C-alpha atoms as a PDB file:
ATOM      1  CA  MET A   1       0.000   0.000   0.000  1.00  0.00           C
ATOM      2  CA  SER A   2       1.230   3.467  -0.790  1.00  0.00           C
ATOM      3  CA  LYS A   3       0.876   6.247   1.724  1.00  0.00           C
ATOM      4  CA  VAL A   4       0.982   9.895   0.877  1.00  0.00           C
ATOM      5  CA  ILE A   5       1.180  11.904   4.060  1.00  0.00           C
ATOM      6  CA  ALA A   6       0.750  15.638   4.512  1.00  0.00           C
ATOM      7  CA  SER A   7       0.729  17.240   7.949  1.00  0.00           C
ATOM      8  CA  PRO A   8       0.640  20.799   9.230  1.00  0.00           C
ATOM      9  CA  ALA A   9       4.413  20.562   9.780  1.00  0.00           C
ATOM     10  CA  ASN A  10       4.957  19.162   6.300  1.00  0.00           C
ATOM     11  CA  ASP A  11       2.795  20.776   3.619  1.00  0.00           C
ATOM     12  CA  SER A  12       4.202  18.659   0.815  1.00  0.00           C
ATOM     13  CA  PRO A  13       3.063  15.056   0.669  1.00  0.00           C
ATOM     14  CA  THR A  14       5.745  12.390   0.921  1.00  0.00           C
ATOM     15  CA  LEU A  15       5.438   9.018  -0.699  1.00  0.00           C
ATOM     16  CA  GLY A  16       5.922   6.052   1.618  1.00  0.00           C
ATOM     17  CA  PRO A  17       6.222   2.333   0.773  1.00  0.00           C
ATOM     18  CA  THR A  18       4.538   1.527  -2.509  1.00  0.00           C
ATOM     19  CA  ASN A  19       2.789  -1.364  -4.143  1.00  0.00           C
ATOM     20  CA  ARG A  20       2.973  -0.369  -7.766  1.00  0.00           C
ATOM     21  CA  GLY A  21       1.709  -2.442 -10.645  1.00  0.00           C
ATOM     22  CA  LEU A  22       2.659  -2.288 -14.281  1.00  0.00           C
ATOM     23  CA  PHE A  23       3.313   1.270 -15.518  1.00  0.00           C
ATOM     24  CA  GLY A  24       3.874   2.393 -11.907  1.00  0.00           C
ATOM     25  CA  ILE A  25       0.176   2.618 -11.100  1.00  0.00           C
ATOM     26  CA  THR A  26      -0.261   2.949  -7.354  1.00  0.00           C
ATOM     27  CA  MET A  27      -2.741   0.415  -6.031  1.00  0.00           C
ATOM     28  CA  THR A  28      -4.031   2.533  -3.138  1.00  0.00           C
ATOM     29  CA  GLU A  29      -3.121   5.957  -1.931  1.00  0.00           C
ATOM     30  CA  ARG A  30      -4.019   7.263   1.480  1.00  0.00           C
ATOM     31  CA  TYR A  31      -3.963  10.974   2.187  1.00  0.00           C
ATOM     32  CA  ILE A  32      -3.778  11.937   5.855  1.00  0.00           C
ATOM     33  CA  MET A  33      -4.403  15.550   6.780  1.00  0.00           C
ATOM     34  CA  SER A  34      -4.901  16.537  10.412  1.00  0.00           C
ATOM     35  CA  ASN A  35      -7.322  13.949  11.799  1.00  0.00           C
ATOM     36  CA  THR A  36      -9.026  13.168   8.470  1.00  0.00           C
ATOM     37  CA  THR A  37      -8.084  10.175   6.337  1.00  0.00           C
ATOM     38  CA  VAL A  38      -9.314   9.928   2.760  1.00  0.00           C
ATOM     39  CA  GLU A  39      -8.577   6.840   0.682  1.00  0.00           C
ATOM     40  CA  THR A  40      -8.593   7.005  -3.087  1.00  0.00           C
ATOM     41  CA  HIS A  41      -8.616   4.052  -5.448  1.00  0.00           C
ATOM     42  CA  PRO A  42      -7.309   3.852  -8.965  1.00  0.00           C
ATOM     43  CA  ASN A  43      -9.608   4.074 -11.935  1.00  0.00           C
ATOM     44  CA  VAL A  44      -7.049   2.265 -14.082  1.00  0.00           C
ATOM     45  CA  LEU A  45      -5.401  -1.042 -13.116  1.00  0.00           C
ATOM     46  CA  SER A  46      -3.330  -3.516 -15.053  1.00  0.00           C
ATOM     47  CA  SER A  47      -5.037  -6.834 -15.733  1.00  0.00           C
ATOM     48  CA  THR A  48      -2.312  -8.615 -13.766  1.00  0.00           C
ATOM     49  CA  ALA A  49      -3.315  -6.589 -10.689  1.00  0.00           C
ATOM     50  CA  ILE A  50      -6.869  -7.974 -10.983  1.00  0.00           C
ATOM     51  CA  ILE A  51      -6.350 -11.577 -12.092  1.00  0.00           C
ATOM     52  CA  GLY A  52      -6.216 -13.794  -9.028  1.00  0.00           C
ATOM     53  CA  ASP A  53      -8.198 -11.350  -6.863  1.00  0.00           C
ATOM     54  CA  LYS A  54     -10.724 -12.916  -4.522  1.00  0.00           C
ATOM     55  CA  ILE A  55     -14.474 -12.422  -5.110  1.00  0.00           C
ATOM     56  CA  VAL A  56     -16.798 -12.351  -2.097  1.00  0.00           C
ATOM     57  CA  THR A  57     -20.500 -11.815  -1.443  1.00  0.00           C
ATOM     58  CA  ARG A  58     -21.685  -8.715   0.406  1.00  0.00           C
ATOM     59  CA  ALA A  59     -21.783 -10.937   3.506  1.00  0.00           C
ATOM     60  CA  GLY A  60     -18.097 -11.803   3.000  1.00  0.00           C
ATOM     61  CA  GLU A  61     -18.552 -15.391   1.748  1.00  0.00           C
ATOM     62  CA  ASN A  62     -15.850 -16.497  -0.676  1.00  0.00           C
ATOM     63  CA  LEU A  63     -17.126 -16.977  -4.226  1.00  0.00           C
ATOM     64  CA  GLY A  64     -13.812 -17.767  -5.879  1.00  0.00           C
ATOM     65  CA  LYS A  65     -11.282 -15.697  -7.758  1.00  0.00           C
ATOM     66  CA  ILE A  66     -10.860 -13.863 -11.042  1.00  0.00           C
ATOM     67  CA  GLU A  67      -9.155 -16.169 -13.536  1.00  0.00           C
ATOM     68  CA  GLU A  68      -9.317 -14.019 -16.657  1.00  0.00           C
ATOM     69  CA  LEU A  69     -10.623 -10.775 -18.108  1.00  0.00           C
ATOM     70  CA  MET A  70     -12.392 -10.907 -21.477  1.00  0.00           C
ATOM     71  CA  LEU A  71     -11.943  -7.807 -23.618  1.00  0.00           C
ATOM     72  CA  ASP A  72     -14.453  -6.496 -26.133  1.00  0.00           C
ATOM     73  CA  LEU A  73     -12.060  -5.231 -28.791  1.00  0.00           C
ATOM     74  CA  GLU A  74     -14.842  -3.669 -30.856  1.00  0.00           C
ATOM     75  CA  LYS A  75     -16.130  -1.537 -27.963  1.00  0.00           C
ATOM     76  CA  GLY A  76     -12.765  -1.076 -26.234  1.00  0.00           C
ATOM     77  CA  ARG A  77     -13.757  -2.267 -22.765  1.00  0.00           C
ATOM     78  CA  VAL A  78     -13.714  -5.210 -20.368  1.00  0.00           C
ATOM     79  CA  ALA A  79     -16.750  -7.304 -21.219  1.00  0.00           C
ATOM     80  CA  TYR A  80     -16.538 -10.035 -18.601  1.00  0.00           C
ATOM     81  CA  ALA A  81     -14.527 -11.353 -15.711  1.00  0.00           C
ATOM     82  CA  VAL A  82     -14.107 -15.123 -15.628  1.00  0.00           C
ATOM     83  CA  LEU A  83     -14.595 -16.402 -12.090  1.00  0.00           C
ATOM     84  CA  SER A  84     -13.602 -19.853 -10.815  1.00  0.00           C
ATOM     85  CA  PHE A  85     -15.776 -21.362  -8.097  1.00  0.00           C
ATOM     86  CA  GLY A  86     -16.066 -24.704  -6.327  1.00  0.00           C
ATOM     87  CA  GLY A  87     -13.987 -27.796  -6.678  1.00  0.00           C
ATOM     88  CA  VAL A  88     -10.970 -28.916  -4.703  1.00  0.00           C
ATOM     89  CA  MET A  89      -7.448 -28.074  -5.870  1.00  0.00           C
ATOM     90  CA  GLY A  90      -8.726 -27.263  -9.363  1.00  0.00           C
ATOM     91  CA  MET A  91     -10.718 -30.497  -9.736  1.00  0.00           C
ATOM     92  CA  GLY A  92     -14.451 -30.083 -10.342  1.00  0.00           C
ATOM     93  CA  GLU A  93     -14.030 -26.335 -10.490  1.00  0.00           C
ATOM     94  CA  LYS A  94     -16.618 -24.496 -12.550  1.00  0.00           C
ATOM     95  CA  MET A  95     -16.013 -21.249 -14.387  1.00  0.00           C
ATOM     96  CA  TYR A  96     -18.516 -18.399 -14.532  1.00  0.00           C
ATOM     97  CA  VAL A  97     -18.595 -15.291 -16.646  1.00  0.00           C
ATOM     98  CA  VAL A  98     -19.672 -12.160 -14.783  1.00  0.00           C
ATOM     99  CA  PRO A  99     -20.293  -8.721 -16.289  1.00  0.00           C
ATOM    100  CA  PHE A 100     -17.331  -6.657 -15.149  1.00  0.00           C
ATOM    101  CA  GLU A 101     -19.551  -3.846 -13.885  1.00  0.00           C
ATOM    102  CA  ALA A 102     -21.199  -6.322 -11.481  1.00  0.00           C
ATOM    103  CA  LEU A 103     -17.921  -6.462  -9.545  1.00  0.00           C
ATOM    104  CA  LYS A 104     -17.277  -3.728  -7.000  1.00  0.00           C
ATOM    105  CA  LEU A 105     -13.760  -3.078  -5.742  1.00  0.00           C
ATOM    106  CA  ASP A 106     -13.667  -3.267  -1.948  1.00  0.00           C
ATOM    107  CA  GLY A 107     -12.604  -0.077  -0.171  1.00  0.00           C
ATOM    108  CA  SER A 108      -9.451  -1.704   1.163  1.00  0.00           C
ATOM    109  CA  ARG A 109      -8.528  -3.143  -2.274  1.00  0.00           C
ATOM    110  CA  GLU A 110      -8.369  -6.608  -0.809  1.00  0.00           C
ATOM    111  CA  HIS A 111     -11.071  -8.144  -2.997  1.00  0.00           C
ATOM    112  CA  PHE A 112     -14.010  -7.575  -5.309  1.00  0.00           C
ATOM    113  CA  THR A 113     -17.601  -7.910  -4.132  1.00  0.00           C
ATOM    114  CA  LEU A 114     -20.322  -9.551  -6.226  1.00  0.00           C
ATOM    115  CA  ASP A 115     -23.867  -8.968  -4.993  1.00  0.00           C
ATOM    116  CA  VAL A 116     -25.053 -12.554  -5.476  1.00  0.00           C
ATOM    117  CA  ASP A 117     -25.262 -15.434  -3.035  1.00  0.00           C
ATOM    118  CA  LYS A 118     -23.572 -18.798  -3.538  1.00  0.00           C
ATOM    119  CA  ASP A 119     -26.821 -20.602  -4.390  1.00  0.00           C
ATOM    120  CA  LYS A 120     -27.604 -18.179  -7.204  1.00  0.00           C
ATOM    121  CA  LEU A 121     -24.044 -18.439  -8.506  1.00  0.00           C
ATOM    122  CA  LYS A 122     -24.393 -22.229  -8.688  1.00  0.00           C
ATOM    123  CA  ASN A 123     -27.243 -21.655 -11.186  1.00  0.00           C
ATOM    124  CA  ALA A 124     -25.422 -18.969 -13.172  1.00  0.00           C
ATOM    125  CA  PRO A 125     -24.401 -19.517 -16.781  1.00  0.00           C
ATOM    126  CA  GLY A 126     -21.118 -21.351 -16.457  1.00  0.00           C
ATOM    127  CA  PHE A 127     -18.734 -23.721 -18.163  1.00  0.00           C
ATOM    128  CA  ASP A 128     -15.804 -25.999 -17.449  1.00  0.00           C
ATOM    129  CA  LYS A 129     -12.252 -25.452 -18.641  1.00  0.00           C
ATOM    130  CA  ASN A 130     -12.624 -28.095 -21.348  1.00  0.00           C
ATOM    131  CA  ASN A 131     -15.850 -26.683 -22.816  1.00  0.00           C
ATOM    132  CA  LEU A 132     -15.366 -22.952 -23.340  1.00  0.00           C
ATOM    133  CA  PRO A 133     -18.313 -20.796 -24.430  1.00  0.00           C
ATOM    134  CA  GLN A 134     -18.203 -18.509 -27.458  1.00  0.00           C
ATOM    135  CA  ALA A 135     -17.684 -15.305 -25.463  1.00  0.00           C
ATOM    136  CA  SER A 136     -18.177 -13.128 -28.543  1.00  0.00           C
ATOM    137  CA  ASP A 137     -21.737 -14.465 -29.054  1.00  0.00           C
ATOM    138  CA  ARG A 138     -23.915 -11.447 -28.178  1.00  0.00           C
ATOM    139  CA  THR A 139     -27.000 -13.623 -27.533  1.00  0.00           C
ATOM    140  CA  TRP A 140     -25.105 -15.692 -24.963  1.00  0.00           C
ATOM    141  CA  GLY A 141     -23.622 -12.509 -23.503  1.00  0.00           C
ATOM    142  CA  ALA A 142     -27.071 -10.924 -23.162  1.00  0.00           C
ATOM    143  CA  GLU A 143     -28.240 -13.947 -21.144  1.00  0.00           C
ATOM    144  CA  VAL A 144     -25.247 -13.566 -18.818  1.00  0.00           C
ATOM    145  CA  TYR A 145     -25.860  -9.846 -18.293  1.00  0.00           C
ATOM    146  CA  LYS A 146     -29.592 -10.365 -17.669  1.00  0.00           C
ATOM    147  CA  PHE A 147     -28.893 -13.172 -15.166  1.00  0.00           C
ATOM    148  CA  TYR A 148     -26.951 -10.703 -13.022  1.00  0.00           C
ATOM    149  CA  GLY A 149     -29.522  -7.928 -13.536  1.00  0.00           C
ATOM    150  CA  TYR A 150     -27.530  -5.759 -15.971  1.00  0.00           C
ATOM    151  CA  LYS A 151     -28.457  -4.430 -19.371  1.00  0.00           C
ATOM    152  CA  PRO A 152     -25.872  -5.517 -21.952  1.00  0.00           C
ATOM    153  CA  TYR A 153     -23.731  -2.482 -22.754  1.00  0.00           C
ATOM    154  CA  TRP A 154     -23.903  -3.180 -26.510  1.00  0.00           C
ATOM    155  CA  GLN A 155     -27.708  -2.857 -26.661  1.00  0.00           C
END
């Protein structure tokens, strides 16, 4: 975590220990002024900073982790996050595609939150590693977005 500290005795912020990703993007910056602490979070992250991040429910239950990000090259945005869930040591694990906007970055940057419970996720459109879906199929994508309560961004 990176800390930028400004105090009455020191008007210019100083940069403390950092956790920088690709291109030197700071993962979290904390500004401390007097007795007020304000945390800011990046609006741009490298994909390697996101892949492997834990996904939890709003109640804190583990739902798995982000395995991959699927890019929509035509629209120039992240279309889906691929989430792994279930199984033991990779065996029996199922993969789910989640609209990226359904994931909310936790305030402490420790994980992403998905507002869905485990039972609903078990019924979500999913696949196994040996039977990949056609992620560019807009009809399939629309079903995924609607399952999570989002309007497909391409419509």
